[in-house]
């Protein structure tokens, strides 16, 4: 029956793609094409529905939809040439007013160019996709595009544009007077990461709290792991790398592959944290498991991992004192930076590679100072901070030297001050800077129970919004971003009985 009904055959192929079952998709598409050929005798034109077809409009759209699904299939297989070819066929076969098919083809092209490292083309096609989805009335689907657009701009060092991307998306997500659109939580999670990049830790925490308040059930498929990665970055900024590693472990457990290129794999993020804690052995385990080497061919997909590899190997050079190995890693870094400069719109995507530390150079890094200054001048106009500050205290001596430059002096001093603060942050929590109020302590006590928000409001005879306000203040004062962490820290500070009623 499926083979005899072309609309059903194509629908079946789409369902298979949606759940990642690519084997057999092409067979279904060909079944539909053969039926079109025998029905109309004309291939590639809008077909005339036979009598047994119940949905004339869907039948007429089939040639374009078939090529759209072929585009998705080619992208899934990593065939960039076929992806571009099939997307163009989908455009050619779809009428101008078929906004959904054309938006789908544009989005798939955006993914293909993103994976190849052509970030400008990727951003351009994703922008086309958003426009088509809005014309088709698929507002919620634009949130996934916003994640991609913001990630691309952040990789380019264009922080302000990335922030505007989320702000524009949130204007399409009314929170009052109607259902919350799926993906709204993701927009706040993304905004949290951008606020952290500009070193606004309170704003980053508040945005992530808002995201968690909206909840994962209405998040996009990648929300569960992205929100944990965002929380881990906040923990790192707070000086809690152990808590950050726990969150990254959780993120790895809930990670699901989606259509986005995985350009910042969680294992590489964990390797960097291990390295920052002086756990070079753990980082070397990642190197062995990743199969990476300095002789690899370079690609944008593995750029973040390759920079991480260089960091780990440089740490090994510091331990072993091998000059030949140091020279090899330095040449590898030069290759990475050259590849980034040659990529379309990727001038800033390898900035962190400029700050890989060397055990022998006086300036503390493996590359000439001109590279460092170029990275700083790219970051300064956008106010990017964490990309440099997260390199940690060893960057302090480098920034002292750069502070002598006539331009961007204030910015470099800001970076140096942030690193100095990080260096002198105590490892433990001596106590609260601002004490909790009596009402906040009441709420905190109930957070340590099994009661949910409405139950806590009823227990305290206050509104749910009042409970949420108190909860956000508690999180801010305790330096946490979720309920479980608040209870844990409160117990450490003896603010709660150890039993906690849990």
Protein backbone atom coordinates (compact mmCIF):
# COMPACT_ATOMS: atom_id res chain seq x y z
CA UNK A 1 0.00 0.00 0.00
CA UNK A 2 2.83 2.40 0.84
CA UNK A 3 4.55 1.74 -2.48
CA UNK A 4 1.31 2.30 -4.36
CA UNK A 5 0.64 5.65 -2.67
CA UNK A 6 3.42 8.16 -3.36
CA UNK A 7 2.34 10.69 -0.72
CA UNK A 8 2.38 7.94 1.91
CA UNK A 9 5.76 6.65 0.68
CA UNK A 10 7.35 10.09 1.02
CA UNK A 11 5.73 10.60 4.40
CA UNK A 12 7.19 7.28 5.51
CA UNK A 13 10.65 8.38 4.30
CA UNK A 14 10.34 11.62 6.26
CA UNK A 15 9.42 9.72 9.42
CA UNK A 16 12.44 7.46 8.99
CA UNK A 17 14.74 10.46 8.63
CA UNK A 18 13.21 12.05 11.72
CA UNK A 19 14.23 9.09 13.88
CA UNK A 20 17.63 8.58 12.24
CA UNK A 21 16.83 5.44 10.24
CA UNK A 22 18.47 6.33 6.94
CA UNK A 23 18.64 2.84 5.47
CA UNK A 24 15.66 2.37 3.20
CA UNK A 25 14.86 6.09 2.82
CA UNK A 26 16.11 6.23 -0.77
CA UNK A 27 14.02 3.15 -1.61
CA UNK A 28 10.87 4.89 -0.39
CA UNK A 29 11.70 8.02 -2.38
CA UNK A 30 12.24 5.97 -5.53
CA UNK A 31 8.95 4.14 -4.97
CA UNK A 32 7.23 7.52 -4.97
CA UNK A 33 9.11 8.71 -8.05
CA UNK A 34 8.21 5.58 -10.01
CA UNK A 35 4.57 6.14 -9.14
CA UNK A 36 4.82 9.74 -10.30
CA UNK A 37 6.36 8.63 -13.60
CA UNK A 38 3.64 6.06 -14.33
CA UNK A 39 0.91 8.52 -13.29
CA UNK A 40 1.99 11.54 -15.31
CA UNK A 41 4.58 10.37 -17.79
CA UNK A 42 6.46 13.59 -17.03
CA UNK A 43 9.39 13.61 -14.58
CA UNK A 44 10.33 16.77 -12.70
CA UNK A 45 7.12 18.72 -13.28
CA UNK A 46 4.15 19.28 -11.02
CA UNK A 47 2.16 16.05 -11.46
CA UNK A 48 -1.55 15.68 -12.05
CA UNK A 49 -3.16 13.69 -9.22
CA UNK A 50 -4.84 10.41 -10.22
CA UNK A 51 -8.31 9.64 -8.96
CA UNK A 52 -7.17 7.63 -5.90
CA UNK A 53 -5.09 10.52 -4.47
CA UNK A 54 -6.89 12.14 -1.55
CA UNK A 55 -4.62 15.15 -0.98
CA UNK A 56 -4.05 16.95 -4.28
CA UNK A 57 -1.82 19.65 -2.78
CA UNK A 58 0.58 17.21 -1.15
CA UNK A 59 0.72 15.18 -4.36
CA UNK A 60 1.71 18.22 -6.41
CA UNK A 61 4.45 19.07 -3.88
CA UNK A 62 6.02 15.61 -4.07
CA UNK A 63 8.86 16.30 -6.58
CA UNK A 64 10.20 19.12 -4.40
CA UNK A 65 9.66 17.22 -1.14
CA UNK A 66 11.48 14.17 -2.54
CA UNK A 67 14.53 16.31 -3.33
CA UNK A 68 14.28 17.97 0.10
CA UNK A 69 14.46 14.56 1.79
CA UNK A 70 17.32 13.56 -0.51
CA UNK A 71 19.14 16.67 0.68
CA UNK A 72 18.64 15.62 4.30
CA UNK A 73 19.83 12.11 3.47
CA UNK A 74 23.00 13.42 1.80
CA UNK A 75 23.69 15.71 4.76
CA UNK A 76 23.27 12.83 7.21
CA UNK A 77 25.83 10.84 5.23
CA UNK A 78 28.29 13.72 5.21
CA UNK A 79 28.09 14.17 1.42
CA UNK A 80 28.41 17.93 1.05
CA UNK A 81 28.42 17.97 -2.76
CA UNK A 82 25.17 16.00 -3.01
CA UNK A 83 23.62 18.12 -0.25
CA UNK A 84 24.13 21.31 -2.26
CA UNK A 85 23.01 19.66 -5.53
CA UNK A 86 19.82 18.16 -4.09
CA UNK A 87 18.93 21.35 -2.21
CA UNK A 88 19.15 23.30 -5.45
CA UNK A 89 16.80 20.76 -7.11
CA UNK A 90 14.35 21.22 -4.25
CA UNK A 91 14.42 24.98 -4.88
CA UNK A 92 13.95 24.48 -8.63
CA UNK A 93 10.97 22.14 -8.18
CA UNK A 94 9.16 24.10 -5.47
CA UNK A 95 6.89 27.04 -6.26
CA UNK A 96 7.79 30.43 -4.79
CA UNK A 97 4.94 30.22 -2.30
CA UNK A 98 5.95 26.81 -0.92
CA UNK A 99 7.72 28.47 2.00
CA UNK A 100 8.11 25.31 4.06
CA UNK A 101 10.01 23.28 1.46
CA UNK A 102 12.19 26.24 0.54
CA UNK A 103 12.89 26.98 4.21
CA UNK A 104 13.84 23.33 4.74
CA UNK A 105 16.25 23.38 1.81
CA UNK A 106 17.81 26.63 3.06
CA UNK A 107 18.25 25.19 6.56
CA UNK A 108 19.93 22.05 5.23
CA UNK A 109 22.29 24.18 3.16
CA UNK A 110 23.06 26.18 6.29
CA UNK A 111 23.99 22.97 8.10
CA UNK A 112 26.21 21.82 5.22
CA UNK A 113 28.13 25.09 5.05
CA UNK A 114 28.41 25.23 8.85
CA UNK A 115 29.97 21.77 8.97
CA UNK A 116 32.40 22.74 6.21
CA UNK A 117 33.52 25.85 8.12
CA UNK A 118 32.01 28.43 5.74
CA UNK A 119 30.32 30.32 8.56
CA UNK A 120 29.20 33.30 6.47
CA UNK A 121 27.35 31.09 3.98
CA UNK A 122 25.89 29.08 6.84
CA UNK A 123 24.55 32.21 8.50
CA UNK A 124 23.12 33.51 5.23
CA UNK A 125 21.20 30.30 4.49
CA UNK A 126 19.93 29.98 8.05
CA UNK A 127 18.62 33.53 7.81
CA UNK A 128 16.74 32.49 4.66
CA UNK A 129 15.36 29.50 6.54
CA UNK A 130 14.00 31.70 9.36
CA UNK A 131 12.28 34.00 6.84
CA UNK A 132 10.61 31.04 5.12
CA UNK A 133 9.48 29.43 8.37
CA UNK A 134 7.91 32.68 9.53
CA UNK A 135 6.05 33.02 6.22
CA UNK A 136 4.84 29.44 6.61
CA UNK A 137 3.61 30.19 10.15
CA UNK A 138 6.08 27.82 11.84
CA UNK A 139 7.29 30.25 14.51
CA UNK A 140 8.47 27.66 17.03
CA UNK A 141 10.73 26.06 14.42
CA UNK A 142 12.67 29.32 14.13
CA UNK A 143 14.06 28.78 17.64
CA UNK A 144 16.27 25.94 16.45
CA UNK A 145 17.56 28.26 13.74
CA UNK A 146 18.25 30.93 16.38
CA UNK A 147 20.48 28.49 18.25
CA UNK A 148 22.46 27.88 15.07
CA UNK A 149 22.66 31.56 14.10
CA UNK A 150 23.85 32.59 17.56
CA UNK A 151 26.40 29.76 17.75
CA UNK A 152 27.80 30.80 14.38
CA UNK A 153 28.09 34.46 15.35
CA UNK A 154 29.72 33.56 18.67
CA UNK A 155 32.28 31.40 16.83
CA UNK A 156 33.02 34.48 14.73
CA UNK A 157 33.47 36.63 17.84
CA UNK A 158 30.38 38.72 17.01
CA UNK A 159 28.85 38.61 20.45
CA UNK A 160 26.45 41.54 20.06
CA UNK A 161 24.87 40.01 16.95
CA UNK A 162 24.50 36.68 18.73
CA UNK A 163 22.68 38.42 21.60
CA UNK A 164 20.36 40.20 19.16
CA UNK A 165 19.55 36.85 17.58
CA UNK A 166 18.12 35.56 20.86
CA UNK A 167 16.41 38.85 21.65
CA UNK A 168 14.63 38.78 18.29
CA UNK A 169 13.60 35.15 18.82
CA UNK A 170 12.21 35.92 22.27
CA UNK A 171 10.05 38.68 20.79
CA UNK A 172 8.34 35.91 18.82
CA UNK A 173 7.75 33.91 22.01
CA UNK A 174 4.90 35.48 23.99
CA UNK A 175 5.01 34.37 27.62
CA UNK A 176 1.68 35.87 28.58
CA UNK A 177 -1.80 35.14 27.26
CA UNK A 178 -1.00 31.94 25.43
CA UNK A 179 0.93 28.68 25.46
CA UNK A 180 4.71 28.90 25.75
CA UNK A 181 6.26 27.89 22.46
CA UNK A 182 8.58 24.92 22.44
CA UNK A 183 12.16 26.17 22.37
CA UNK A 184 11.61 29.27 24.52
CA UNK A 185 13.66 27.68 27.31
CA UNK A 186 16.50 27.16 24.82
CA UNK A 187 16.55 30.87 23.99
CA UNK A 188 17.17 31.78 27.63
CA UNK A 189 19.79 29.04 27.93
CA UNK A 190 21.60 30.44 24.91
CA UNK A 191 21.36 33.96 26.29
CA UNK A 192 22.94 32.70 29.53
CA UNK A 193 26.03 31.52 27.63
CA UNK A 194 26.36 34.86 25.85
CA UNK A 195 26.00 36.88 29.05
CA UNK A 196 28.69 34.75 30.61
CA UNK A 197 30.99 35.38 27.64
CA UNK A 198 30.74 39.10 28.40
CA UNK A 199 31.59 38.22 32.04
CA UNK A 200 28.17 39.21 33.39
CA UNK A 201 27.83 36.29 35.80
CA UNK A 202 24.65 37.50 37.55
CA UNK A 203 22.85 38.02 34.23
CA UNK A 204 24.06 34.63 32.99
CA UNK A 205 22.77 32.95 36.14
CA UNK A 206 19.41 34.71 35.93
CA UNK A 207 18.95 33.73 32.28
CA UNK A 208 19.72 30.09 33.04
CA UNK A 209 17.34 30.15 36.00
CA UNK A 210 14.62 31.48 33.72
CA UNK A 211 15.39 28.72 31.26
CA UNK A 212 15.13 26.06 33.95
CA UNK A 213 11.94 27.63 35.26
CA UNK A 214 10.34 27.23 31.84
CA UNK A 215 11.52 23.64 31.91
CA UNK A 216 13.03 20.98 29.70
CA UNK A 217 9.75 19.37 28.53
CA UNK A 218 9.14 22.31 26.21
CA UNK A 219 12.78 22.52 25.20
CA UNK A 220 14.26 21.41 21.90
CA UNK A 221 15.95 17.99 21.71
CA UNK A 222 19.37 19.44 22.52
CA UNK A 223 18.14 21.42 25.56
CA UNK A 224 18.96 18.75 28.14
CA UNK A 225 22.65 18.67 27.37
CA UNK A 226 23.06 22.31 26.33
CA UNK A 227 21.57 23.54 29.61
CA UNK A 228 24.01 21.39 31.57
CA UNK A 229 26.95 22.65 29.53
CA UNK A 230 25.82 26.23 30.22
CA UNK A 231 25.56 25.47 33.94
CA UNK A 232 29.04 23.92 33.86
CA UNK A 233 30.47 27.10 32.37
CA UNK A 234 28.89 29.11 35.17
CA UNK A 235 30.35 26.74 37.74
CA UNK A 236 33.78 27.16 36.15
CA UNK A 237 33.45 30.95 36.30
CA UNK A 238 32.49 30.62 39.97
CA UNK A 239 35.68 28.69 40.65
CA UNK A 240 34.01 25.29 41.04
CA UNK A 241 35.65 23.02 38.41
CA UNK A 242 34.59 19.86 40.26
CA UNK A 243 30.93 20.87 40.05
CA UNK A 244 31.47 21.78 36.40
CA UNK A 245 32.88 18.32 35.67
CA UNK A 246 29.88 16.67 37.32
CA UNK A 247 27.56 18.74 35.12
CA UNK A 248 29.52 17.82 32.00
CA UNK A 249 29.25 14.16 32.97
CA UNK A 250 25.48 14.62 33.15
CA UNK A 251 25.51 16.45 29.80
CA UNK A 252 27.38 13.56 28.22
CA UNK A 253 24.84 11.05 29.55
CA UNK A 254 21.85 12.93 28.13
CA UNK A 255 23.49 14.01 24.88
CA UNK A 256 21.52 13.16 21.76
CA UNK A 257 22.89 13.63 18.30
CA UNK A 258 20.96 16.12 16.22
CA UNK A 259 21.49 17.74 12.87
CA UNK A 260 23.85 20.42 14.26
CA UNK A 261 27.57 19.82 13.68
CA UNK A 262 29.10 18.84 17.02
CA UNK A 263 31.90 21.41 16.94
CA UNK A 264 32.46 21.52 20.74
CA UNK A 265 32.26 17.88 21.88
CA UNK A 266 31.67 17.35 25.58
CA UNK A 267 34.69 15.01 26.04
CA UNK A 268 36.96 17.81 24.77
CA UNK A 269 35.35 20.27 27.19
CA UNK A 270 36.04 17.82 30.02
CA UNK A 271 39.64 17.40 28.89
CA UNK A 272 40.15 21.16 29.12
CA UNK A 273 38.73 21.23 32.63
CA UNK A 274 40.97 18.35 33.71
CA UNK A 275 43.93 20.21 32.28
CA UNK A 276 42.99 23.40 34.14
CA UNK A 277 42.95 21.38 37.38
CA UNK A 278 46.41 19.97 36.67
CA UNK A 279 44.99 16.51 35.90
CA UNK A 280 47.11 15.93 32.80
CA UNK A 281 46.71 12.17 33.11
CA UNK A 282 42.94 12.44 32.64
CA UNK A 283 43.48 14.75 29.67
CA UNK A 284 45.93 12.28 28.09
CA UNK A 285 43.30 9.55 28.39
CA UNK A 286 41.03 11.72 26.24
CA UNK A 287 43.85 12.16 23.69
CA UNK A 288 44.28 8.39 23.38
CA UNK A 289 40.56 7.78 23.11
CA UNK A 290 40.02 10.57 20.55
CA UNK A 291 42.60 9.21 18.11
CA UNK A 292 43.74 12.74 17.27
CA UNK A 293 47.29 13.68 16.30
CA UNK A 294 49.22 16.75 15.13
CA UNK A 295 49.55 15.14 11.69
CA UNK A 296 45.76 15.12 11.13
CA UNK A 297 44.15 16.84 8.18
CA UNK A 298 42.36 19.91 9.51
CA UNK A 299 38.64 20.58 9.40
CA UNK A 300 36.29 22.99 11.14
CA UNK A 301 34.41 20.06 12.67
CA UNK A 302 37.48 19.04 14.66
CA UNK A 303 39.04 22.47 15.21
CA UNK A 304 38.01 22.73 18.88
CA UNK A 305 39.31 19.22 19.55
CA UNK A 306 42.59 19.95 17.78
CA UNK A 307 43.15 23.09 19.85
CA UNK A 308 42.41 21.02 22.95
CA UNK A 309 44.94 18.44 21.75
CA UNK A 310 47.58 21.18 21.42
CA UNK A 311 46.91 22.31 25.00
CA UNK A 312 47.33 18.80 26.37
CA UNK A 313 50.53 18.17 24.41
CA UNK A 314 52.01 21.49 25.54
CA UNK A 315 51.31 20.49 29.13
CA UNK A 316 53.23 17.29 28.42
CA UNK A 317 56.13 19.31 27.03
CA UNK A 318 56.26 21.24 30.29
CA UNK A 319 56.61 17.97 32.19
CA UNK A 320 59.06 16.22 29.88
CA UNK A 321 60.98 19.26 28.58
CA UNK A 322 61.04 17.97 25.00
CA UNK A 323 62.06 20.71 22.56
CA UNK A 324 61.32 18.65 19.39
CA UNK A 325 57.81 17.93 20.67
CA UNK A 326 57.28 21.60 21.50
CA UNK A 327 58.33 22.61 18.00
CA UNK A 328 55.93 20.06 16.49
CA UNK A 329 52.98 21.35 18.54
CA UNK A 330 53.82 24.97 17.71
CA UNK A 331 53.80 24.17 14.01
CA UNK A 332 50.46 22.42 14.49
CA UNK A 333 49.01 25.56 16.11
CA UNK A 334 50.27 27.68 13.22
CA UNK A 335 48.48 25.35 10.81
CA UNK A 336 45.25 25.66 12.81
CA UNK A 337 45.38 29.45 12.82
CA UNK A 338 46.15 29.59 9.10
CA UNK A 339 43.18 27.31 8.35
CA UNK A 340 40.88 29.52 10.45
CA UNK A 341 42.02 32.68 8.65
CA UNK A 342 41.42 31.07 5.28
CA UNK A 343 37.88 29.99 6.21
CA UNK A 344 34.99 32.27 5.27
CA UNK A 345 34.01 34.33 8.32
CA UNK A 346 36.25 32.36 10.69
CA UNK A 347 38.75 35.03 11.66
CA UNK A 348 37.86 34.73 15.35
CA UNK A 349 37.00 31.05 15.59
CA UNK A 350 40.50 29.96 16.63
CA UNK A 351 41.33 32.84 18.97
CA UNK A 352 41.70 30.53 21.94
CA UNK A 353 44.42 28.69 20.06
CA UNK A 354 46.53 31.81 20.27
CA UNK A 355 46.68 31.48 24.04
CA UNK A 356 47.88 27.88 24.29
CA UNK A 357 50.55 27.95 26.95
CA UNK A 358 54.18 27.08 26.31
CA UNK A 359 56.58 25.92 29.01
CA UNK A 360 59.55 27.78 27.52
CA UNK A 361 58.48 31.16 26.13
CA UNK A 362 58.74 34.11 28.46
CA UNK A 363 55.34 35.39 27.42
CA UNK A 364 53.81 32.11 28.56
CA UNK A 365 52.40 30.91 25.23
CA UNK A 366 53.54 28.90 22.25
CA UNK A 367 52.92 31.52 19.56
CA UNK A 368 54.40 34.96 18.83
CA UNK A 369 52.91 37.95 20.59
CA UNK A 370 51.50 39.33 17.31
CA UNK A 371 49.01 36.43 17.30
CA UNK A 372 47.92 37.25 20.84
CA UNK A 373 47.43 40.90 20.03
CA UNK A 374 45.35 40.05 16.94
CA UNK A 375 43.11 37.82 19.08
CA UNK A 376 42.67 40.57 21.68
CA UNK A 377 41.83 43.21 19.07
CA UNK A 378 39.18 40.88 17.60
CA UNK A 379 37.63 40.27 21.03
CA UNK A 380 37.75 43.84 22.36
CA UNK A 381 35.04 45.56 20.23
CA UNK A 382 32.48 42.89 21.18
CA UNK A 383 33.43 42.75 24.86
CA UNK A 384 34.31 39.04 24.75
CA UNK A 385 35.95 38.18 28.06
CA UNK A 386 35.59 34.53 29.05
CA UNK A 387 37.27 33.20 25.89
CA UNK A 388 40.49 34.73 27.29
CA UNK A 389 39.85 34.74 31.05
CA UNK A 390 39.01 31.02 31.06
CA UNK A 391 42.63 30.37 30.10
CA UNK A 392 43.35 31.07 33.77
CA UNK A 393 46.07 32.76 35.83
CA UNK A 394 49.00 31.85 33.47
CA UNK A 395 47.58 34.43 31.06
CA UNK A 396 48.22 37.23 33.58
CA UNK A 397 51.84 37.74 32.54
CA UNK A 398 50.90 37.82 28.87
CA UNK A 399 48.20 40.44 29.46
CA UNK A 400 50.63 42.61 31.43
CA UNK A 401 52.77 42.79 28.33
CA UNK A 402 49.82 43.52 26.05
CA UNK A 403 48.61 46.28 28.40
CA UNK A 404 51.54 48.40 27.22
CA UNK A 405 49.97 48.67 23.79
CA UNK A 406 48.40 52.05 23.08
CA UNK A 407 45.04 50.69 21.91
CA UNK A 408 42.60 48.52 23.88
CA UNK A 409 44.55 49.24 27.05
CA UNK A 410 41.44 49.51 29.24
CA UNK A 411 40.10 46.26 27.84
CA UNK A 412 43.33 44.38 28.55
CA UNK A 413 43.35 45.75 32.09
CA UNK A 414 39.78 44.48 32.51
CA UNK A 415 40.87 41.03 31.38
CA UNK A 416 43.84 41.09 33.73
CA UNK A 417 41.64 42.13 36.66
CA UNK A 418 39.21 39.28 35.93
CA UNK A 419 42.02 36.73 35.82
CA UNK A 420 43.49 38.10 39.05
CA UNK A 421 40.09 37.75 40.73
CA UNK A 422 39.88 34.17 39.51
CA UNK A 423 43.39 33.45 40.80
CA UNK A 424 42.61 34.68 44.30
CA UNK A 425 39.15 33.16 44.65
CA UNK A 426 39.13 30.82 47.65
CA UNK A 427 38.60 27.16 46.93
CA UNK A 428 35.99 26.79 49.65
CA UNK A 429 32.98 28.91 50.61
CA UNK A 430 33.73 30.94 53.75
CA UNK A 431 30.15 32.09 54.10
CA UNK A 432 27.52 34.31 52.56
CA UNK A 433 28.39 37.84 51.50
CA UNK A 434 24.72 38.77 51.85
CA UNK A 435 22.66 36.84 54.43
CA UNK A 436 19.33 35.24 53.61
CA UNK A 437 16.19 36.88 54.94
CA UNK A 438 13.84 35.00 57.25
CA UNK A 439 11.37 34.41 54.42
CA UNK A 440 14.15 33.22 52.11
CA UNK A 441 15.24 30.76 54.79
CA UNK A 442 11.63 29.51 54.95
CA UNK A 443 11.63 28.95 51.20
CA UNK A 444 15.09 27.35 51.33
CA UNK A 445 13.92 24.92 54.01
CA UNK A 446 11.03 23.83 51.78
CA UNK A 447 13.31 23.51 48.75
CA UNK A 448 14.94 20.73 50.72
CA UNK A 449 11.67 18.77 50.72
CA UNK A 450 9.71 17.01 47.99
CA UNK A 451 7.26 19.91 47.65
CA UNK A 452 7.02 21.58 44.24
CA UNK A 453 6.60 25.31 43.64
CA UNK A 454 2.79 25.48 44.00
CA UNK A 455 2.93 23.35 47.16
CA UNK A 456 5.56 25.65 48.68
CA UNK A 457 3.41 28.68 47.85
CA UNK A 458 0.43 27.04 49.54
CA UNK A 459 2.51 26.09 52.59
CA UNK A 460 3.72 29.69 53.03
CA UNK A 461 0.38 31.26 52.01
CA UNK A 462 1.98 33.32 49.26
CA UNK A 463 1.69 33.42 45.46
CA UNK A 464 3.76 31.19 43.18
CA UNK A 465 5.46 34.26 41.67
CA UNK A 466 6.56 35.31 45.18
CA UNK A 467 8.10 31.87 45.73
CA UNK A 468 9.93 32.17 42.41
CA UNK A 469 11.27 35.61 43.34
CA UNK A 470 12.56 34.33 46.69
CA UNK A 471 14.06 31.28 44.97
CA UNK A 472 15.96 33.40 42.46
CA UNK A 473 17.37 35.55 45.28
CA UNK A 474 18.40 32.42 47.18
CA UNK A 475 20.19 31.07 44.10
CA UNK A 476 22.00 34.37 43.57
CA UNK A 477 23.14 34.59 47.21
CA UNK A 478 24.30 30.98 47.32
CA UNK A 479 25.99 31.22 43.92
CA UNK A 480 24.05 28.31 42.42
CA UNK A 481 21.59 27.84 39.59
CA UNK A 482 19.34 24.96 40.58
CA UNK A 483 17.38 23.59 43.53
CA UNK A 484 19.59 20.60 44.27
CA UNK A 485 22.73 22.73 44.36
CA UNK A 486 21.01 25.27 46.64
CA UNK A 487 20.18 22.55 49.16
CA UNK A 488 23.70 21.11 48.98
CA UNK A 489 25.40 24.49 49.56
CA UNK A 490 22.91 25.39 52.29
CA UNK A 491 23.82 22.21 54.14
CA UNK A 492 27.53 22.98 53.75
CA UNK A 493 26.91 26.39 55.33
CA UNK A 494 24.74 24.87 58.09
CA UNK A 495 21.69 26.76 56.92
CA UNK A 496 19.62 23.58 56.90
CA UNK A 497 19.36 20.56 59.16
CA UNK A 498 21.31 17.67 57.65
CA UNK A 499 18.16 15.58 57.27
CA UNK A 500 16.52 18.35 55.22
CA UNK A 501 13.18 16.55 55.31
CA UNK A 502 14.10 14.81 52.04
